[in-house]
Amino acid sequence: MTRMRAISISVLVTSIGFSISCRSNLNPTANAAGAQAAPASTPTVEVTKVVSRKLGLTVRLPGELQPYEAVAIFPKITSFVDWIGVDRGSVVKSGQLMVRLVAPEIAAQRREAESRLQAAVAQRAESEAKLASDPQFAADPRARLRWWFDQSKYQGGDAGRYPVVRVWQKTW
């Protein structure tokens, strides 16, 4: 209880002290003397007319601009850059060509695939010609499978992996 009373008294004394220190000066003679002294020390300011001229001072400062948005771009395949159509800081739109890449390995793989396609088309034409010219070959499924097996590049150790051979082994 005495502790609460001590805290209450200290809060009361502190609040009275703040209110006394914050009150305004009520002495009218001091205010009048201060008001009379103010007009005697009025500052004077020199005024000039504004003239428009070029700035004669140039300052060069080093700096670096940071982009608002940065995007990392990665190619889907390993290739060489052939042409760059944008510069650093350029604004690009979706679908715009920014870089042309050249991949010699991919071009070689495409040529190889096209040659394999031509070989397969030639093999198909040959088999269709054999079917049309030889009725006994057309009637015998084993002879056709044997002919396909002989034409196949999967002979030897890889023979069991070729689908035609699996079908041939199941039908016998």
Foldseek 3Di string as FASTA:
>chain_A
DVVVVVVVVVVVVVVVVVVVVPDDDPDVVVVVVVVVVVVVPDDDDDDDDDDDDDDPDDDDDDDDDDDPDDDDDDDPDDFAWDDADDDPPDDDDPPDDGTDTDDPVVVVVVVVVVVVVVVVVVVVVVLVVVVVPDVVCVVDPLSVLVVVLVVDPQDDPSLVVDVSSVVNVVVD
